[in-house]
N, C-alpha and C. Protein backbone atom coordinates (compact mmCIF):
# COMPACT_ATOMS: atom_id res chain seq x y z
N MET A 1 -21.38 -25.79 -28.47
CA MET A 1 -21.31 -25.01 -27.25
C MET A 1 -20.12 -25.49 -26.42
N LYS A 2 -19.39 -24.54 -25.89
CA LYS A 2 -18.22 -24.86 -25.08
C LYS A 2 -18.64 -25.30 -23.69
N GLY A 3 -18.05 -26.39 -23.21
CA GLY A 3 -18.34 -26.87 -21.87
C GLY A 3 -17.56 -26.08 -20.84
N VAL A 4 -18.08 -26.03 -19.64
CA VAL A 4 -17.41 -25.37 -18.54
C VAL A 4 -17.28 -26.38 -17.42
N ASN A 5 -16.12 -26.46 -16.83
CA ASN A 5 -15.94 -27.32 -15.67
C ASN A 5 -15.21 -26.53 -14.60
N ALA A 6 -14.92 -27.17 -13.48
CA ALA A 6 -14.30 -26.47 -12.36
C ALA A 6 -12.96 -25.85 -12.74
N TRP A 7 -12.14 -26.55 -13.54
CA TRP A 7 -10.82 -26.02 -13.87
C TRP A 7 -10.93 -24.87 -14.86
N THR A 8 -11.89 -24.94 -15.78
CA THR A 8 -12.10 -23.84 -16.71
C THR A 8 -12.49 -22.59 -15.93
N ALA A 9 -13.38 -22.75 -14.96
CA ALA A 9 -13.84 -21.60 -14.19
C ALA A 9 -12.72 -21.00 -13.34
N MET A 10 -11.72 -21.80 -12.96
CA MET A 10 -10.63 -21.31 -12.12
C MET A 10 -9.49 -20.70 -12.93
N ALA A 11 -9.46 -20.91 -14.24
CA ALA A 11 -8.40 -20.36 -15.08
C ALA A 11 -8.51 -18.84 -15.06
N ARG A 12 -7.39 -18.19 -14.96
CA ARG A 12 -7.34 -16.74 -14.82
C ARG A 12 -6.44 -16.12 -15.87
N PRO A 13 -6.48 -14.78 -16.00
CA PRO A 13 -5.56 -14.11 -16.92
C PRO A 13 -4.11 -14.43 -16.55
N ALA A 14 -3.23 -14.33 -17.54
CA ALA A 14 -1.81 -14.68 -17.35
C ALA A 14 -1.18 -13.86 -16.24
N ARG A 15 -0.31 -14.53 -15.48
CA ARG A 15 0.52 -13.88 -14.48
C ARG A 15 1.81 -14.66 -14.39
N GLU A 16 2.74 -14.18 -13.58
CA GLU A 16 4.07 -14.77 -13.56
C GLU A 16 4.09 -16.26 -13.25
N GLU A 17 3.38 -16.72 -12.23
CA GLU A 17 3.37 -18.13 -11.86
C GLU A 17 2.19 -18.83 -12.51
N SER A 18 2.25 -18.93 -13.84
CA SER A 18 1.16 -19.56 -14.57
C SER A 18 1.68 -20.15 -15.87
N VAL A 19 0.85 -21.01 -16.44
CA VAL A 19 1.13 -21.57 -17.76
C VAL A 19 -0.16 -21.50 -18.56
N ALA A 20 -0.05 -21.03 -19.80
CA ALA A 20 -1.21 -20.89 -20.68
C ALA A 20 -1.25 -22.04 -21.69
N VAL A 21 -2.46 -22.37 -22.13
CA VAL A 21 -2.66 -23.33 -23.22
C VAL A 21 -3.39 -22.56 -24.31
N THR A 22 -2.74 -22.43 -25.48
CA THR A 22 -3.26 -21.59 -26.56
C THR A 22 -3.21 -22.33 -27.89
N GLY A 23 -3.63 -21.63 -28.94
CA GLY A 23 -3.54 -22.18 -30.30
C GLY A 23 -4.80 -22.90 -30.71
N ASP A 24 -4.62 -24.08 -31.32
CA ASP A 24 -5.75 -24.85 -31.85
C ASP A 24 -6.46 -25.61 -30.73
N VAL A 25 -7.15 -24.84 -29.88
CA VAL A 25 -7.94 -25.40 -28.78
C VAL A 25 -9.31 -24.75 -28.80
N GLU A 26 -10.28 -25.42 -28.19
CA GLU A 26 -11.61 -24.82 -28.11
C GLU A 26 -11.64 -23.64 -27.17
N GLU A 27 -10.79 -23.69 -26.13
CA GLU A 27 -10.77 -22.61 -25.15
C GLU A 27 -9.34 -22.36 -24.68
N GLU A 28 -8.82 -21.16 -24.96
CA GLU A 28 -7.49 -20.80 -24.48
C GLU A 28 -7.60 -20.48 -23.00
N LEU A 29 -6.72 -21.09 -22.21
CA LEU A 29 -6.78 -20.96 -20.76
C LEU A 29 -5.41 -20.70 -20.17
N THR A 30 -5.40 -20.09 -18.99
CA THR A 30 -4.17 -19.90 -18.23
C THR A 30 -4.39 -20.51 -16.85
N PHE A 31 -3.45 -21.35 -16.44
CA PHE A 31 -3.53 -22.05 -15.16
C PHE A 31 -2.49 -21.47 -14.20
N SER A 32 -2.96 -20.96 -13.07
CA SER A 32 -2.05 -20.43 -12.05
C SER A 32 -1.46 -21.59 -11.25
N ARG A 33 -0.42 -21.30 -10.50
CA ARG A 33 0.16 -22.30 -9.61
C ARG A 33 -0.89 -22.82 -8.63
N ASP A 34 -1.71 -21.92 -8.11
CA ASP A 34 -2.76 -22.32 -7.17
C ASP A 34 -3.75 -23.29 -7.82
N THR A 35 -4.15 -23.01 -9.04
CA THR A 35 -5.08 -23.90 -9.74
C THR A 35 -4.44 -25.26 -9.98
N LEU A 36 -3.17 -25.28 -10.41
CA LEU A 36 -2.48 -26.55 -10.63
C LEU A 36 -2.42 -27.36 -9.33
N GLY A 37 -2.22 -26.67 -8.22
CA GLY A 37 -2.16 -27.34 -6.94
C GLY A 37 -3.48 -27.98 -6.53
N ARG A 38 -4.58 -27.43 -7.03
CA ARG A 38 -5.91 -27.98 -6.71
C ARG A 38 -6.30 -29.14 -7.63
N MET A 39 -5.56 -29.32 -8.70
CA MET A 39 -5.87 -30.39 -9.65
C MET A 39 -5.23 -31.70 -9.20
N ARG A 40 -5.55 -32.11 -8.00
CA ARG A 40 -4.90 -33.27 -7.37
C ARG A 40 -5.00 -34.55 -8.19
N GLU A 41 -6.14 -34.81 -8.78
CA GLU A 41 -6.30 -36.04 -9.56
C GLU A 41 -5.48 -36.03 -10.84
N SER A 42 -4.96 -34.87 -11.21
CA SER A 42 -4.18 -34.73 -12.44
C SER A 42 -2.68 -34.59 -12.19
N GLN A 43 -2.27 -34.75 -10.94
CA GLN A 43 -0.86 -34.57 -10.62
C GLN A 43 -0.05 -35.84 -10.89
N ALA A 44 1.15 -35.62 -11.37
CA ALA A 44 2.07 -36.73 -11.65
C ALA A 44 2.52 -37.34 -10.33
N PRO A 45 2.62 -38.66 -10.25
CA PRO A 45 3.08 -39.32 -9.02
C PRO A 45 4.49 -38.87 -8.63
N GLU A 46 4.72 -38.75 -7.32
CA GLU A 46 6.01 -38.28 -6.82
C GLU A 46 7.18 -39.11 -7.31
N ASP A 47 7.00 -40.43 -7.43
CA ASP A 47 8.12 -41.26 -7.86
C ASP A 47 8.52 -40.98 -9.30
N ILE A 48 7.56 -40.66 -10.15
CA ILE A 48 7.87 -40.32 -11.54
C ILE A 48 8.55 -38.96 -11.60
N VAL A 49 8.03 -37.99 -10.87
CA VAL A 49 8.63 -36.65 -10.84
C VAL A 49 10.07 -36.74 -10.33
N ALA A 50 10.31 -37.57 -9.31
CA ALA A 50 11.64 -37.70 -8.71
C ALA A 50 12.68 -38.25 -9.68
N GLU A 51 12.24 -38.95 -10.72
CA GLU A 51 13.19 -39.44 -11.73
C GLU A 51 13.80 -38.29 -12.53
N TYR A 52 13.10 -37.15 -12.59
CA TYR A 52 13.54 -36.03 -13.42
C TYR A 52 13.90 -34.79 -12.62
N TYR A 53 13.31 -34.65 -11.45
CA TYR A 53 13.53 -33.45 -10.65
C TYR A 53 13.96 -33.86 -9.25
N PRO A 54 15.12 -33.37 -8.76
CA PRO A 54 15.59 -33.77 -7.43
C PRO A 54 14.80 -33.08 -6.31
N GLY A 55 14.51 -33.81 -5.28
CA GLY A 55 13.82 -33.24 -4.13
C GLY A 55 12.32 -33.32 -4.26
N PRO A 56 11.61 -33.04 -3.17
CA PRO A 56 10.14 -33.11 -3.21
C PRO A 56 9.57 -32.02 -4.11
N ALA A 57 8.74 -32.41 -5.02
CA ALA A 57 8.14 -31.46 -5.96
C ALA A 57 6.76 -31.92 -6.36
N ARG A 58 5.95 -30.97 -6.81
CA ARG A 58 4.62 -31.28 -7.32
C ARG A 58 4.56 -30.93 -8.79
N ALA A 59 3.88 -31.77 -9.55
CA ALA A 59 3.77 -31.56 -10.99
C ALA A 59 2.40 -32.00 -11.46
N VAL A 60 1.98 -31.46 -12.59
CA VAL A 60 0.70 -31.83 -13.19
C VAL A 60 0.97 -32.38 -14.59
N TRP A 61 0.21 -33.39 -14.98
CA TRP A 61 0.34 -33.97 -16.32
C TRP A 61 -0.13 -32.95 -17.36
N VAL A 62 0.62 -32.81 -18.44
CA VAL A 62 0.22 -31.93 -19.54
C VAL A 62 -1.10 -32.43 -20.15
N GLU A 63 -1.28 -33.71 -20.22
CA GLU A 63 -2.52 -34.27 -20.76
C GLU A 63 -3.75 -33.70 -20.06
N ALA A 64 -3.67 -33.49 -18.75
CA ALA A 64 -4.81 -32.94 -18.00
C ALA A 64 -5.11 -31.51 -18.44
N LEU A 65 -4.07 -30.71 -18.66
CA LEU A 65 -4.27 -29.33 -19.12
C LEU A 65 -4.90 -29.31 -20.51
N LEU A 66 -4.43 -30.22 -21.35
CA LEU A 66 -4.96 -30.30 -22.72
C LEU A 66 -6.43 -30.72 -22.71
N GLN A 67 -6.78 -31.62 -21.83
CA GLN A 67 -8.18 -32.07 -21.76
C GLN A 67 -9.11 -30.92 -21.39
N VAL A 68 -8.66 -30.04 -20.51
CA VAL A 68 -9.48 -28.90 -20.11
C VAL A 68 -9.62 -27.91 -21.27
N ALA A 69 -8.53 -27.65 -21.99
CA ALA A 69 -8.55 -26.69 -23.10
C ALA A 69 -9.20 -27.27 -24.36
N ARG A 70 -9.27 -28.58 -24.47
CA ARG A 70 -9.90 -29.30 -25.58
C ARG A 70 -9.27 -28.96 -26.94
N PRO A 71 -8.21 -29.68 -27.31
CA PRO A 71 -7.57 -29.45 -28.61
C PRO A 71 -8.56 -29.64 -29.76
N SER A 72 -8.36 -28.89 -30.83
CA SER A 72 -9.19 -29.07 -32.02
C SER A 72 -8.83 -30.41 -32.66
N ALA A 73 -9.68 -30.88 -33.53
CA ALA A 73 -9.44 -32.15 -34.21
C ALA A 73 -8.19 -32.10 -35.08
N ASP A 74 -7.81 -30.90 -35.54
CA ASP A 74 -6.64 -30.74 -36.41
C ASP A 74 -5.32 -30.63 -35.64
N ALA A 75 -5.37 -30.34 -34.36
CA ALA A 75 -4.14 -30.15 -33.58
C ALA A 75 -3.40 -31.47 -33.46
N ASP A 76 -2.11 -31.46 -33.81
CA ASP A 76 -1.32 -32.69 -33.71
C ASP A 76 0.07 -32.46 -33.11
N HIS A 77 0.37 -31.21 -32.72
CA HIS A 77 1.64 -30.88 -32.09
C HIS A 77 1.42 -29.91 -30.93
N VAL A 78 2.34 -29.97 -29.95
CA VAL A 78 2.34 -29.03 -28.84
C VAL A 78 3.74 -28.41 -28.78
N THR A 79 3.76 -27.08 -28.73
CA THR A 79 5.03 -26.37 -28.58
C THR A 79 5.07 -25.79 -27.17
N PHE A 80 6.17 -26.09 -26.47
CA PHE A 80 6.41 -25.57 -25.12
C PHE A 80 7.25 -24.31 -25.28
N HIS A 81 6.67 -23.15 -24.95
CA HIS A 81 7.35 -21.86 -25.09
C HIS A 81 7.89 -21.38 -23.75
N ALA A 82 9.18 -21.03 -23.71
CA ALA A 82 9.81 -20.51 -22.49
C ALA A 82 9.83 -18.99 -22.52
N ALA A 83 10.03 -18.41 -21.35
CA ALA A 83 10.07 -16.95 -21.21
C ALA A 83 11.17 -16.31 -22.05
N ASP A 84 12.27 -17.03 -22.26
CA ASP A 84 13.41 -16.46 -23.00
C ASP A 84 13.36 -16.71 -24.51
N GLY A 85 12.26 -17.26 -25.01
CA GLY A 85 12.12 -17.50 -26.44
C GLY A 85 12.45 -18.92 -26.86
N TYR A 86 13.02 -19.71 -25.97
CA TYR A 86 13.32 -21.12 -26.26
C TYR A 86 12.00 -21.85 -26.47
N ALA A 87 11.98 -22.82 -27.38
CA ALA A 87 10.76 -23.56 -27.66
C ALA A 87 11.09 -24.98 -28.11
N ALA A 88 10.23 -25.91 -27.71
CA ALA A 88 10.34 -27.31 -28.12
C ALA A 88 8.99 -27.77 -28.61
N SER A 89 8.93 -28.29 -29.82
CA SER A 89 7.68 -28.75 -30.42
C SER A 89 7.70 -30.27 -30.54
N LEU A 90 6.66 -30.91 -30.05
CA LEU A 90 6.55 -32.37 -30.07
C LEU A 90 5.18 -32.78 -30.59
N PRO A 91 5.10 -33.99 -31.16
CA PRO A 91 3.78 -34.51 -31.51
C PRO A 91 2.88 -34.56 -30.27
N LEU A 92 1.61 -34.36 -30.46
CA LEU A 92 0.64 -34.28 -29.38
C LEU A 92 0.70 -35.49 -28.45
N ASP A 93 0.81 -36.70 -28.99
CA ASP A 93 0.82 -37.89 -28.14
C ASP A 93 2.06 -37.93 -27.25
N GLN A 94 3.21 -37.47 -27.73
CA GLN A 94 4.42 -37.40 -26.90
C GLN A 94 4.28 -36.33 -25.83
N ALA A 95 3.80 -35.18 -26.21
CA ALA A 95 3.67 -34.06 -25.29
C ALA A 95 2.67 -34.38 -24.16
N ALA A 96 1.62 -35.11 -24.46
CA ALA A 96 0.61 -35.44 -23.46
C ALA A 96 1.20 -36.26 -22.31
N GLY A 97 2.27 -36.99 -22.56
CA GLY A 97 2.91 -37.80 -21.53
C GLY A 97 3.94 -37.05 -20.71
N SER A 98 4.01 -35.73 -20.87
CA SER A 98 4.96 -34.93 -20.12
C SER A 98 4.25 -34.30 -18.91
N PHE A 99 5.03 -33.66 -18.07
CA PHE A 99 4.45 -33.00 -16.90
C PHE A 99 5.16 -31.68 -16.64
N ILE A 100 4.48 -30.82 -15.87
CA ILE A 100 5.01 -29.51 -15.53
C ILE A 100 5.18 -29.43 -14.01
N VAL A 101 6.43 -29.23 -13.58
CA VAL A 101 6.71 -29.03 -12.16
C VAL A 101 6.37 -27.57 -11.84
N PHE A 102 5.55 -27.38 -10.80
CA PHE A 102 5.14 -26.03 -10.44
C PHE A 102 5.46 -25.67 -8.99
N GLU A 103 5.95 -26.65 -8.22
CA GLU A 103 6.21 -26.39 -6.82
C GLU A 103 7.29 -27.33 -6.32
N ALA A 104 8.17 -26.81 -5.47
CA ALA A 104 9.21 -27.63 -4.85
C ALA A 104 9.31 -27.25 -3.38
N GLY A 105 9.25 -28.25 -2.52
CA GLY A 105 9.33 -27.98 -1.09
C GLY A 105 8.23 -27.07 -0.57
N GLY A 106 7.05 -27.11 -1.19
CA GLY A 106 5.93 -26.30 -0.75
C GLY A 106 5.96 -24.86 -1.23
N GLU A 107 6.95 -24.50 -2.03
CA GLU A 107 7.08 -23.13 -2.55
C GLU A 107 7.06 -23.16 -4.08
N ALA A 108 6.85 -21.98 -4.66
CA ALA A 108 6.93 -21.87 -6.12
C ALA A 108 8.32 -22.31 -6.57
N LEU A 109 8.40 -22.95 -7.70
CA LEU A 109 9.68 -23.40 -8.24
C LEU A 109 10.54 -22.16 -8.54
N ALA A 110 11.74 -22.14 -7.99
CA ALA A 110 12.64 -21.00 -8.14
C ALA A 110 13.15 -20.87 -9.56
N ALA A 111 13.45 -19.64 -9.97
CA ALA A 111 13.96 -19.38 -11.31
C ALA A 111 15.23 -20.15 -11.59
N GLU A 112 16.13 -20.25 -10.60
CA GLU A 112 17.38 -20.98 -10.82
C GLU A 112 17.17 -22.48 -10.97
N GLU A 113 15.97 -22.95 -10.69
CA GLU A 113 15.62 -24.36 -10.88
C GLU A 113 14.74 -24.55 -12.11
N GLY A 114 14.61 -23.49 -12.90
CA GLY A 114 13.81 -23.57 -14.12
C GLY A 114 12.39 -23.10 -13.95
N GLY A 115 12.08 -22.49 -12.82
CA GLY A 115 10.73 -22.05 -12.52
C GLY A 115 10.37 -20.71 -13.14
N PRO A 116 9.15 -20.28 -12.93
CA PRO A 116 8.20 -20.85 -11.99
C PRO A 116 7.49 -22.11 -12.48
N MET A 117 7.56 -22.41 -13.76
CA MET A 117 6.99 -23.64 -14.32
C MET A 117 8.06 -24.30 -15.18
N ARG A 118 8.30 -25.59 -14.97
CA ARG A 118 9.31 -26.29 -15.77
C ARG A 118 8.72 -27.57 -16.34
N ALA A 119 8.83 -27.71 -17.64
CA ALA A 119 8.29 -28.89 -18.32
C ALA A 119 9.34 -29.98 -18.43
N PHE A 120 8.94 -31.19 -18.11
CA PHE A 120 9.77 -32.38 -18.29
C PHE A 120 9.07 -33.28 -19.29
N LEU A 121 9.77 -33.61 -20.36
CA LEU A 121 9.19 -34.39 -21.44
C LEU A 121 9.91 -35.73 -21.55
N PRO A 122 9.49 -36.72 -20.75
CA PRO A 122 10.16 -38.02 -20.75
C PRO A 122 10.24 -38.68 -22.13
N GLU A 123 9.29 -38.40 -22.99
CA GLU A 123 9.27 -38.99 -24.33
C GLU A 123 9.95 -38.11 -25.36
N GLY A 124 10.53 -37.00 -24.91
CA GLY A 124 11.20 -36.08 -25.84
C GLY A 124 12.45 -36.68 -26.43
N PRO A 125 12.91 -36.16 -27.55
CA PRO A 125 14.08 -36.72 -28.24
C PRO A 125 15.41 -36.45 -27.54
N SER A 126 15.44 -35.50 -26.59
CA SER A 126 16.69 -35.21 -25.88
C SER A 126 16.38 -34.48 -24.58
N TYR A 127 17.41 -34.33 -23.74
CA TYR A 127 17.25 -33.57 -22.51
C TYR A 127 16.88 -32.11 -22.81
N CYS A 128 17.24 -31.64 -23.97
CA CYS A 128 16.98 -30.25 -24.33
C CYS A 128 15.50 -29.94 -24.52
N THR A 129 14.66 -30.97 -24.56
CA THR A 129 13.22 -30.73 -24.67
C THR A 129 12.59 -30.51 -23.30
N ASN A 130 13.36 -30.60 -22.23
CA ASN A 130 12.87 -30.25 -20.89
C ASN A 130 12.98 -28.73 -20.76
N VAL A 131 11.85 -28.05 -20.91
CA VAL A 131 11.86 -26.59 -21.07
C VAL A 131 11.73 -25.88 -19.72
N LYS A 132 12.71 -25.02 -19.43
CA LYS A 132 12.69 -24.21 -18.22
C LYS A 132 11.85 -22.97 -18.44
N SER A 133 11.27 -22.46 -17.36
CA SER A 133 10.48 -21.22 -17.38
C SER A 133 9.41 -21.25 -18.47
N VAL A 134 8.74 -22.40 -18.60
CA VAL A 134 7.70 -22.52 -19.62
C VAL A 134 6.52 -21.63 -19.25
N GLN A 135 6.05 -20.87 -20.23
CA GLN A 135 4.93 -19.95 -20.03
C GLN A 135 3.69 -20.36 -20.80
N ARG A 136 3.92 -21.11 -21.89
CA ARG A 136 2.78 -21.37 -22.77
C ARG A 136 2.95 -22.69 -23.50
N LEU A 137 1.84 -23.41 -23.63
CA LEU A 137 1.76 -24.59 -24.48
C LEU A 137 0.88 -24.20 -25.66
N GLU A 138 1.43 -24.29 -26.85
CA GLU A 138 0.68 -23.89 -28.04
C GLU A 138 0.39 -25.12 -28.89
N LEU A 139 -0.88 -25.37 -29.13
CA LEU A 139 -1.28 -26.49 -29.98
C LEU A 139 -1.38 -26.02 -31.42
N THR A 140 -0.82 -26.82 -32.33
CA THR A 140 -0.79 -26.44 -33.75
C THR A 140 -1.06 -27.66 -34.62
N ARG A 141 -1.37 -27.38 -35.87
CA ARG A 141 -1.43 -28.40 -36.90
C ARG A 141 -0.05 -28.41 -37.54
N GLY A 142 0.69 -29.48 -37.34
CA GLY A 142 2.08 -29.54 -37.78
C GLY A 142 2.98 -28.97 -36.71
N PRO A 143 4.29 -29.18 -36.85
CA PRO A 143 5.24 -28.69 -35.85
C PRO A 143 5.20 -27.17 -35.72
N GLY A 144 5.41 -26.69 -34.49
CA GLY A 144 5.50 -25.27 -34.23
C GLY A 144 6.95 -24.85 -34.11
N LYS A 145 7.18 -23.67 -33.56
CA LYS A 145 8.53 -23.16 -33.35
C LYS A 145 9.33 -24.18 -32.53
N ASP A 146 10.57 -24.41 -32.94
CA ASP A 146 11.41 -25.37 -32.23
C ASP A 146 12.85 -24.88 -32.29
N THR A 147 13.40 -24.52 -31.13
CA THR A 147 14.78 -24.03 -31.07
C THR A 147 15.71 -25.04 -30.38
N VAL A 148 15.23 -26.27 -30.21
CA VAL A 148 16.03 -27.30 -29.55
C VAL A 148 17.26 -27.60 -30.41
N PRO A 149 18.45 -27.54 -29.79
CA PRO A 149 19.66 -27.87 -30.55
C PRO A 149 19.61 -29.31 -31.05
N ARG A 150 20.09 -29.54 -32.22
CA ARG A 150 20.13 -30.89 -32.80
C ARG A 150 21.58 -31.32 -32.88
N GLY A 151 21.83 -32.58 -32.67
CA GLY A 151 23.20 -33.07 -32.75
C GLY A 151 23.34 -34.40 -32.02
N PRO A 152 24.55 -34.71 -31.59
CA PRO A 152 24.83 -36.02 -31.00
C PRO A 152 24.10 -36.30 -29.69
N HIS A 153 23.64 -35.26 -28.99
CA HIS A 153 22.91 -35.45 -27.73
C HIS A 153 21.50 -35.99 -27.96
N GLN A 154 20.98 -35.83 -29.18
CA GLN A 154 19.61 -36.23 -29.45
C GLN A 154 19.43 -37.72 -29.17
N GLY A 155 18.31 -38.02 -28.53
CA GLY A 155 18.00 -39.41 -28.23
C GLY A 155 18.48 -39.83 -26.85
N GLN A 156 19.14 -38.92 -26.11
CA GLN A 156 19.65 -39.27 -24.79
C GLN A 156 18.68 -38.94 -23.68
N GLY A 157 17.56 -38.38 -23.98
CA GLY A 157 16.66 -37.99 -22.91
C GLY A 157 15.37 -38.62 -23.03
């Protein structure tokens, strides 16, 4: 039987300022900016966010979103899908240590800043794994779609 908690009950159908968790999970969910803002205990500390994003911003740990959606036992990768088709796939343990910026200066993250949701993956292999306009996190068995450029920049992020 699937468990229900406060965050599951607040998850809503997809809309522009939201991020979905899909794939090999017990429950596919979509988190609005408002819901992410209420997940205070799951928010990344400001000092950590400031290392990757300039200015005051709010972010939520990806691990918290995954805990609510409950990955299947077979899921071992997370793919971050952007609105423009860009995608970065990482092992589940690396992806869990990333965060999604959803607000800057009390407002929705602007498109020119990578919004409305922008993923920062501190454990990613390069800066290119910081996905702008992320819409969906897809859990899979094995690597998912990955359009991250490979080359000499890898390992710098």
